[in-house]
Amino acid sequence: MDAVLDAAVDLARETAIEVAEGAEWVGEHLGTHEDEDRLVTHLFACAMPGYRGWVWSVTLSRAPRAREAKVCEAHLVPADDALLAPAWIPWADRVRPGDLEPSMVLPKIHEDARLMPGYEVTDPELEDAMEIWELGLGRERVLAPTGRDSAAERWHRGSHGPTAPSAVASAQQCSTCAFFIPLTGSLRTEFGACANEWSPSDGKVVAVDHGCGAHSQTDIEQQSTRWPANNPVFDTDAVVEMPVAAEVPAAEAPAEPEVQAEPEAQAEPEEAHAAPEAPAELEAPEAAEASAEQAPADEAPVEDAPVEETPEVDDATDTH
């Protein structure tokens, strides 16, 4: 260890305080290590919040046969147990399947192991007629065996493979369903598309050994509803009171026509005319007149004043 540089602790601390812009951010001296001949680094603890495990590093050096230390560099560096931010990952590498939104566009991967140039498909066993039978040479890149195998494994273990809950509970597989449309190319023996709108897999790629309850050959009998059927009852003898008067307000009730008032006015004279016949008091004067007519001629008839007087008839009428 260089004795001159090792003893220059005060110079290293002053340099660290100048870099930290405050003596409160520079802690105790942690040690010194020699980088090369006449090149020594001093370490000081960092007291700044949020920088746990970081240290102030000040590197000193001196010329040959010189007795004075000089500052080479000073900066804040992380120690072995420092709190660090995660490593930077490019955006293209951070995006995962399912993160793509309608407004996002994935960058082109030039060296994609899943793809291969279209003109390299020469093996008849791997050739896919729909991939190369296009205008000109066809597509610039087509699916490589690696990408095809990766897709097949992912689809087979996914929610539309043979291990899905609907496939386990189904009695028949998709390969025997009329709504199963096999894929073209080398994947037609393992996968197809579902075209049944009643199936939860409608419009999705399903494995041939997948299944669901919407199979075209289902032979289960149609079950009746679980709710009991109620027989309607018609009671024609029941009397239901209808509060008609309460439904029509008094202000909206139609006025009685004037024609109905005329018979009532005509009925009053008839009742008044028939009223004198009802009392028994009028029968006595009539009987007196009849006895006067049967009496002898020499006897003078007895006049009955009450019968001839009108006031008595009026009194009887008033009484009635």
Protein backbone atom coordinates (compact mmCIF):
# COMPACT_ATOMS: atom_id res chain seq x y z
CA MET A 1 0.00 0.00 0.00
CA ASP A 2 1.28 3.43 -0.89
CA ALA A 3 1.80 5.25 2.41
CA VAL A 4 1.26 8.73 0.98
CA LEU A 5 -2.02 7.86 -0.72
CA ASP A 6 -3.21 5.71 2.18
CA ALA A 7 -2.75 8.62 4.60
CA ALA A 8 -4.63 11.14 2.39
CA VAL A 9 -8.03 10.41 4.01
CA ASP A 10 -8.86 14.06 4.63
CA LEU A 11 -8.27 14.93 0.99
CA ALA A 12 -10.52 12.10 -0.10
CA ARG A 13 -13.28 13.17 2.34
CA GLU A 14 -13.20 16.78 1.16
CA THR A 15 -13.53 15.55 -2.42
CA ALA A 16 -16.49 13.31 -1.50
CA ILE A 17 -18.25 16.21 0.28
CA GLU A 18 -17.76 18.39 -2.76
CA VAL A 19 -19.30 15.74 -5.03
CA ALA A 20 -22.19 15.05 -2.62
CA GLU A 21 -22.83 18.79 -2.18
CA GLY A 22 -23.13 18.44 1.56
CA ALA A 23 -21.14 17.00 4.45
CA GLU A 24 -24.28 15.35 5.90
CA TRP A 25 -24.41 12.93 2.95
CA VAL A 26 -20.89 11.57 3.52
CA GLY A 27 -20.53 8.96 6.26
CA GLU A 28 -17.65 7.19 7.90
CA HIS A 29 -14.54 6.01 6.12
CA LEU A 30 -15.05 2.39 5.13
CA GLY A 31 -11.60 1.48 3.88
CA THR A 32 -8.95 1.77 1.21
CA HIS A 33 -7.82 -0.56 -1.55
CA GLU A 34 -4.96 -0.27 -4.00
CA ASP A 35 -5.89 -0.47 -7.67
CA GLU A 36 -2.42 -0.21 -9.17
CA ASP A 37 0.98 1.13 -8.30
CA ARG A 38 0.57 4.63 -6.83
CA LEU A 39 -3.23 4.43 -7.38
CA VAL A 40 -5.48 4.06 -4.29
CA THR A 41 -9.28 4.33 -3.80
CA HIS A 42 -10.93 5.53 -0.59
CA LEU A 43 -14.54 4.50 0.23
CA PHE A 44 -17.00 6.47 2.39
CA ALA A 45 -20.49 5.47 3.45
CA CYS A 46 -23.38 7.23 1.69
CA ALA A 47 -25.97 8.77 4.00
CA MET A 48 -28.38 9.86 1.27
CA PRO A 49 -31.91 8.38 1.58
CA GLY A 50 -32.77 5.74 -0.99
CA TYR A 51 -29.13 4.72 -1.57
CA ARG A 52 -28.77 1.84 0.84
CA GLY A 53 -25.47 0.04 0.32
CA TRP A 54 -23.98 2.73 -1.92
CA VAL A 55 -20.54 4.31 -1.20
CA TRP A 56 -18.61 7.39 -2.20
CA SER A 57 -15.53 6.31 -4.12
CA VAL A 58 -12.55 8.71 -4.34
CA THR A 59 -9.46 7.60 -6.28
CA LEU A 60 -6.11 9.23 -5.52
CA SER A 61 -2.75 8.97 -7.26
CA ARG A 62 0.72 10.54 -7.18
CA ALA A 63 3.64 10.93 -9.52
CA PRO A 64 6.85 8.93 -9.00
CA ARG A 65 8.93 10.30 -6.11
CA ALA A 66 6.18 12.86 -5.37
CA ARG A 67 5.04 13.43 -1.82
CA GLU A 68 1.63 14.97 -2.60
CA ALA A 69 -1.60 13.05 -3.50
CA LYS A 70 -3.79 14.14 -6.37
CA VAL A 71 -7.47 13.37 -7.01
CA CYS A 72 -8.16 11.31 -10.11
CA GLU A 73 -11.94 10.77 -9.87
CA ALA A 74 -14.81 10.69 -7.36
CA HIS A 75 -18.32 9.32 -7.77
CA LEU A 76 -21.12 7.34 -6.09
CA VAL A 77 -20.91 3.58 -6.75
CA PRO A 78 -22.95 0.59 -5.50
CA ALA A 79 -21.42 -1.89 -3.10
CA ASP A 80 -22.10 -5.61 -2.96
CA ASP A 81 -25.34 -5.26 -0.96
CA ALA A 82 -26.55 -2.06 -2.65
CA LEU A 83 -30.19 -1.52 -3.55
CA LEU A 84 -30.23 -1.49 -7.35
CA ALA A 85 -32.88 -0.92 -9.99
CA PRO A 86 -33.80 -3.90 -12.14
CA ALA A 87 -31.76 -4.47 -15.23
CA TRP A 88 -32.95 -2.60 -18.29
CA ILE A 89 -34.92 -4.74 -20.71
CA PRO A 90 -35.84 -3.38 -24.14
CA TRP A 91 -39.52 -2.82 -24.79
CA ALA A 92 -39.61 -5.46 -27.51
CA ASP A 93 -38.35 -8.02 -24.98
CA ARG A 94 -40.68 -6.90 -22.17
CA VAL A 95 -43.89 -7.42 -24.14
CA ARG A 96 -45.46 -10.77 -23.39
CA PRO A 97 -48.29 -12.68 -25.13
CA GLY A 98 -51.58 -11.03 -24.28
CA ASP A 99 -50.10 -7.52 -23.80
CA LEU A 100 -50.82 -6.37 -27.34
CA GLU A 101 -53.62 -3.79 -27.57
CA PRO A 102 -55.41 -2.48 -30.68
CA SER A 103 -53.25 0.67 -30.75
CA MET A 104 -49.93 -1.19 -30.37
CA VAL A 105 -47.64 -2.49 -33.13
CA LEU A 106 -44.98 -5.11 -32.44
CA PRO A 107 -41.55 -4.50 -33.97
CA LYS A 108 -40.31 -6.87 -36.61
CA ILE A 109 -38.06 -9.65 -35.35
CA HIS A 110 -35.54 -10.22 -38.09
CA GLU A 111 -33.95 -13.31 -36.56
CA ASP A 112 -37.11 -15.06 -35.41
CA ALA A 113 -36.46 -18.75 -34.79
CA ARG A 114 -40.13 -19.53 -35.36
CA LEU A 115 -40.02 -18.40 -38.99
CA MET A 116 -38.05 -19.25 -42.05
CA PRO A 117 -37.86 -17.91 -45.62
CA GLY A 118 -40.56 -19.22 -47.89
CA TYR A 119 -38.14 -20.47 -50.56
CA GLU A 120 -36.48 -22.80 -48.05
CA VAL A 121 -39.55 -25.02 -47.75
CA THR A 122 -38.40 -27.86 -49.97
CA ASP A 123 -39.05 -30.92 -47.84
CA PRO A 124 -42.30 -32.57 -49.03
CA GLU A 125 -43.08 -33.72 -45.49
CA LEU A 126 -42.90 -30.15 -44.15
CA GLU A 127 -44.31 -28.42 -47.19
CA ASP A 128 -47.57 -26.61 -46.68
CA ALA A 129 -49.31 -25.91 -49.97
CA MET A 130 -51.25 -22.95 -48.56
CA GLU A 131 -48.01 -21.32 -47.41
CA ILE A 132 -46.15 -21.30 -50.76
CA TRP A 133 -48.94 -21.43 -53.36
CA GLU A 134 -49.36 -17.69 -53.69
CA LEU A 135 -48.56 -14.95 -56.19
CA GLY A 136 -44.87 -15.09 -57.13
CA LEU A 137 -42.68 -16.86 -54.60
CA GLY A 138 -45.35 -16.54 -51.97
CA ARG A 139 -44.83 -15.04 -48.56
CA GLU A 140 -41.42 -13.79 -47.61
CA ARG A 141 -41.36 -15.89 -44.45
CA VAL A 142 -43.37 -18.92 -43.44
CA LEU A 143 -43.78 -20.91 -40.27
CA ALA A 144 -40.72 -22.97 -39.45
CA PRO A 145 -40.87 -26.42 -37.83
CA THR A 146 -39.82 -24.84 -34.53
CA GLY A 147 -42.70 -22.37 -34.61
CA ARG A 148 -45.16 -25.05 -35.72
CA ASP A 149 -44.17 -27.39 -32.90
CA SER A 150 -44.30 -24.57 -30.36
CA ALA A 151 -47.81 -23.60 -31.44
CA ALA A 152 -48.98 -27.22 -31.37
CA GLU A 153 -47.68 -27.74 -27.84
CA ARG A 154 -49.23 -24.49 -26.64
CA TRP A 155 -52.63 -25.27 -28.15
CA HIS A 156 -52.60 -28.85 -26.91
CA ARG A 157 -52.04 -27.91 -23.27
CA GLY A 158 -54.30 -24.83 -23.40
CA SER A 159 -57.96 -24.36 -22.60
CA HIS A 160 -59.01 -26.01 -25.89
CA GLY A 161 -56.94 -29.14 -25.53
CA PRO A 162 -57.77 -32.61 -24.21
CA THR A 163 -57.11 -31.65 -20.57
CA ALA A 164 -59.69 -28.84 -20.45
CA PRO A 165 -62.59 -29.38 -18.00
CA SER A 166 -65.15 -29.42 -20.83
CA ALA A 167 -63.14 -32.05 -22.69
CA VAL A 168 -62.86 -34.26 -19.61
CA ALA A 169 -66.63 -34.07 -19.00
CA SER A 170 -67.54 -34.59 -22.66
CA ALA A 171 -68.47 -38.07 -23.88
CA GLN A 172 -67.36 -37.50 -27.50
CA GLN A 173 -64.39 -35.75 -29.08
CA CYS A 174 -64.29 -32.88 -31.55
CA SER A 175 -62.94 -35.14 -34.29
CA THR A 176 -66.40 -36.76 -34.63
CA CYS A 177 -68.34 -33.49 -34.50
CA ALA A 178 -69.93 -32.08 -37.65
CA PHE A 179 -68.91 -28.54 -36.64
CA PHE A 180 -65.20 -29.43 -36.57
CA ILE A 181 -63.24 -27.90 -39.49
CA PRO A 182 -59.72 -29.40 -39.79
CA LEU A 183 -56.79 -27.09 -40.40
CA THR A 184 -54.82 -27.34 -43.61
CA GLY A 185 -51.23 -28.46 -43.86
CA SER A 186 -49.34 -30.59 -41.41
CA LEU A 187 -51.52 -29.54 -38.45
CA ARG A 188 -54.77 -30.90 -39.89
CA THR A 189 -54.32 -34.23 -38.12
CA GLU A 190 -54.13 -32.60 -34.70
CA PHE A 191 -56.18 -29.39 -34.75
CA GLY A 192 -59.18 -27.73 -36.32
CA ALA A 193 -61.58 -24.82 -35.88
CA CYS A 194 -64.95 -24.99 -34.11
CA ALA A 195 -67.93 -23.61 -36.07
CA ASN A 196 -70.70 -24.24 -33.53
CA GLU A 197 -72.17 -21.02 -32.16
CA TRP A 198 -73.52 -22.88 -29.11
CA SER A 199 -70.05 -24.11 -28.15
CA PRO A 200 -67.74 -22.13 -25.86
CA SER A 201 -64.96 -22.85 -28.38
CA ASP A 202 -66.76 -21.26 -31.33
CA GLY A 203 -64.25 -19.63 -33.71
CA LYS A 204 -61.23 -21.04 -31.86
CA VAL A 205 -58.62 -23.68 -32.67
CA VAL A 206 -59.41 -26.91 -30.83
CA ALA A 207 -57.58 -30.21 -30.63
CA VAL A 208 -59.10 -33.27 -32.24
CA ASP A 209 -59.43 -34.88 -28.80
CA HIS A 210 -61.08 -31.82 -27.28
CA GLY A 211 -64.81 -31.88 -26.53
CA CYS A 212 -67.75 -29.99 -25.12
CA GLY A 213 -71.46 -30.42 -24.46
CA ALA A 214 -72.49 -28.97 -27.85
CA HIS A 215 -71.42 -32.01 -29.88
CA SER A 216 -73.48 -32.55 -33.04
CA GLN A 217 -74.15 -36.21 -32.17
CA THR A 218 -75.51 -35.75 -28.69
CA ASP A 219 -78.10 -38.47 -27.99
CA ILE A 220 -79.38 -37.29 -24.64
CA GLU A 221 -83.13 -36.82 -24.39
CA GLN A 222 -84.43 -33.35 -24.01
CA GLN A 223 -85.37 -32.88 -20.40
CA SER A 224 -88.44 -31.04 -19.27
CA THR A 225 -88.24 -27.96 -17.22
CA ARG A 226 -87.48 -28.35 -13.53
CA TRP A 227 -90.27 -25.96 -12.60
CA PRO A 228 -93.63 -27.67 -12.00
CA ALA A 229 -96.34 -26.90 -14.52
CA ASN A 230 -99.34 -25.18 -12.94
CA ASN A 231 -102.75 -26.12 -14.41
CA PRO A 232 -104.88 -23.01 -14.95
CA VAL A 233 -108.16 -22.82 -12.99
CA PHE A 234 -111.15 -20.91 -14.37
CA ASP A 235 -113.82 -19.99 -11.77
CA THR A 236 -116.86 -18.57 -13.58
CA ASP A 237 -119.16 -18.52 -10.51
CA ALA A 238 -117.02 -16.25 -8.43
CA VAL A 239 -118.31 -12.77 -7.76
CA VAL A 240 -115.75 -10.04 -7.67
CA GLU A 241 -116.75 -6.65 -6.35
CA MET A 242 -115.60 -3.85 -8.60
CA PRO A 243 -115.29 -0.43 -6.90
CA VAL A 244 -116.55 1.46 -9.93
CA ALA A 245 -117.57 4.55 -7.96
CA ALA A 246 -114.15 4.85 -6.46
CA GLU A 247 -112.48 4.72 -9.84
CA VAL A 248 -114.45 7.67 -11.28
CA PRO A 249 -113.80 10.95 -9.44
CA ALA A 250 -116.80 13.04 -8.43
CA ALA A 251 -115.64 15.94 -10.54
CA GLU A 252 -115.55 13.76 -13.66
CA ALA A 253 -118.95 12.09 -13.11
CA PRO A 254 -121.38 12.88 -15.97
CA ALA A 255 -124.23 15.24 -15.13
CA GLU A 256 -127.74 13.88 -15.18
CA PRO A 257 -129.65 14.77 -18.35
CA GLU A 258 -132.52 17.23 -18.08
CA VAL A 259 -134.93 14.75 -19.70
CA GLN A 260 -134.93 12.58 -16.57
CA ALA A 261 -136.26 15.43 -14.48
CA GLU A 262 -139.52 15.76 -16.47
CA PRO A 263 -141.11 12.42 -15.49
CA GLU A 264 -140.47 13.23 -11.84
CA ALA A 265 -142.28 16.56 -12.24
CA GLN A 266 -145.24 14.85 -13.96
CA ALA A 267 -145.45 12.17 -11.30
CA GLU A 268 -146.07 14.67 -8.52
CA PRO A 269 -149.63 15.69 -9.73
CA GLU A 270 -150.61 12.04 -10.15
CA GLU A 271 -149.54 11.29 -6.63
CA ALA A 272 -151.36 14.39 -5.39
CA HIS A 273 -154.50 13.37 -7.33
CA ALA A 274 -154.44 9.85 -5.99
CA ALA A 275 -153.75 10.97 -2.48
CA PRO A 276 -157.40 11.87 -1.45
CA GLU A 277 -158.57 8.31 -2.23
CA ALA A 278 -156.27 6.75 0.33
CA PRO A 279 -157.66 8.25 3.67
CA ALA A 280 -160.53 6.54 5.30
CA GLU A 281 -162.06 9.86 6.45
CA LEU A 282 -163.48 10.55 2.96
CA GLU A 283 -165.56 7.35 2.97
CA ALA A 284 -167.85 8.66 5.69
CA PRO A 285 -169.25 11.66 3.73
CA GLU A 286 -169.83 9.46 0.65
CA ALA A 287 -171.79 6.99 2.76
CA ALA A 288 -173.82 9.89 4.14
CA GLU A 289 -174.81 11.02 0.65
CA ALA A 290 -175.90 7.50 -0.26
CA SER A 291 -178.12 7.25 2.85
CA ALA A 292 -179.64 10.64 2.05
CA GLU A 293 -180.73 9.45 -1.40
CA GLN A 294 -182.37 6.31 0.08
CA ALA A 295 -184.28 8.32 2.72
CA PRO A 296 -188.10 9.17 2.20
CA ALA A 297 -188.94 12.16 0.12
CA ASP A 298 -190.86 13.87 2.97
CA GLU A 299 -187.75 13.96 5.05
CA ALA A 300 -185.38 16.76 4.24
CA PRO A 301 -181.92 15.61 3.45
CA VAL A 302 -179.35 16.38 5.99
CA GLU A 303 -176.64 18.52 4.56
CA ASP A 304 -173.18 17.43 5.44
CA ALA A 305 -171.14 20.57 5.51
CA PRO A 306 -167.77 18.92 5.84
CA VAL A 307 -168.24 16.98 2.57
CA GLU A 308 -169.15 20.02 0.47
CA GLU A 309 -166.61 22.32 2.01
CA THR A 310 -163.43 22.47 0.16
CA PRO A 311 -161.32 23.29 3.17
CA GLU A 312 -161.91 19.78 4.55
CA VAL A 313 -160.66 18.22 1.31
CA ASP A 314 -157.68 20.47 1.48
CA ASP A 315 -157.11 19.41 5.09
CA ALA A 316 -157.26 15.75 4.07
CA THR A 317 -154.87 16.38 1.25
CA ASP A 318 -152.52 18.18 3.57
CA THR A 319 -152.79 15.29 6.02
CA HIS A 320 -152.00 12.78 3.28
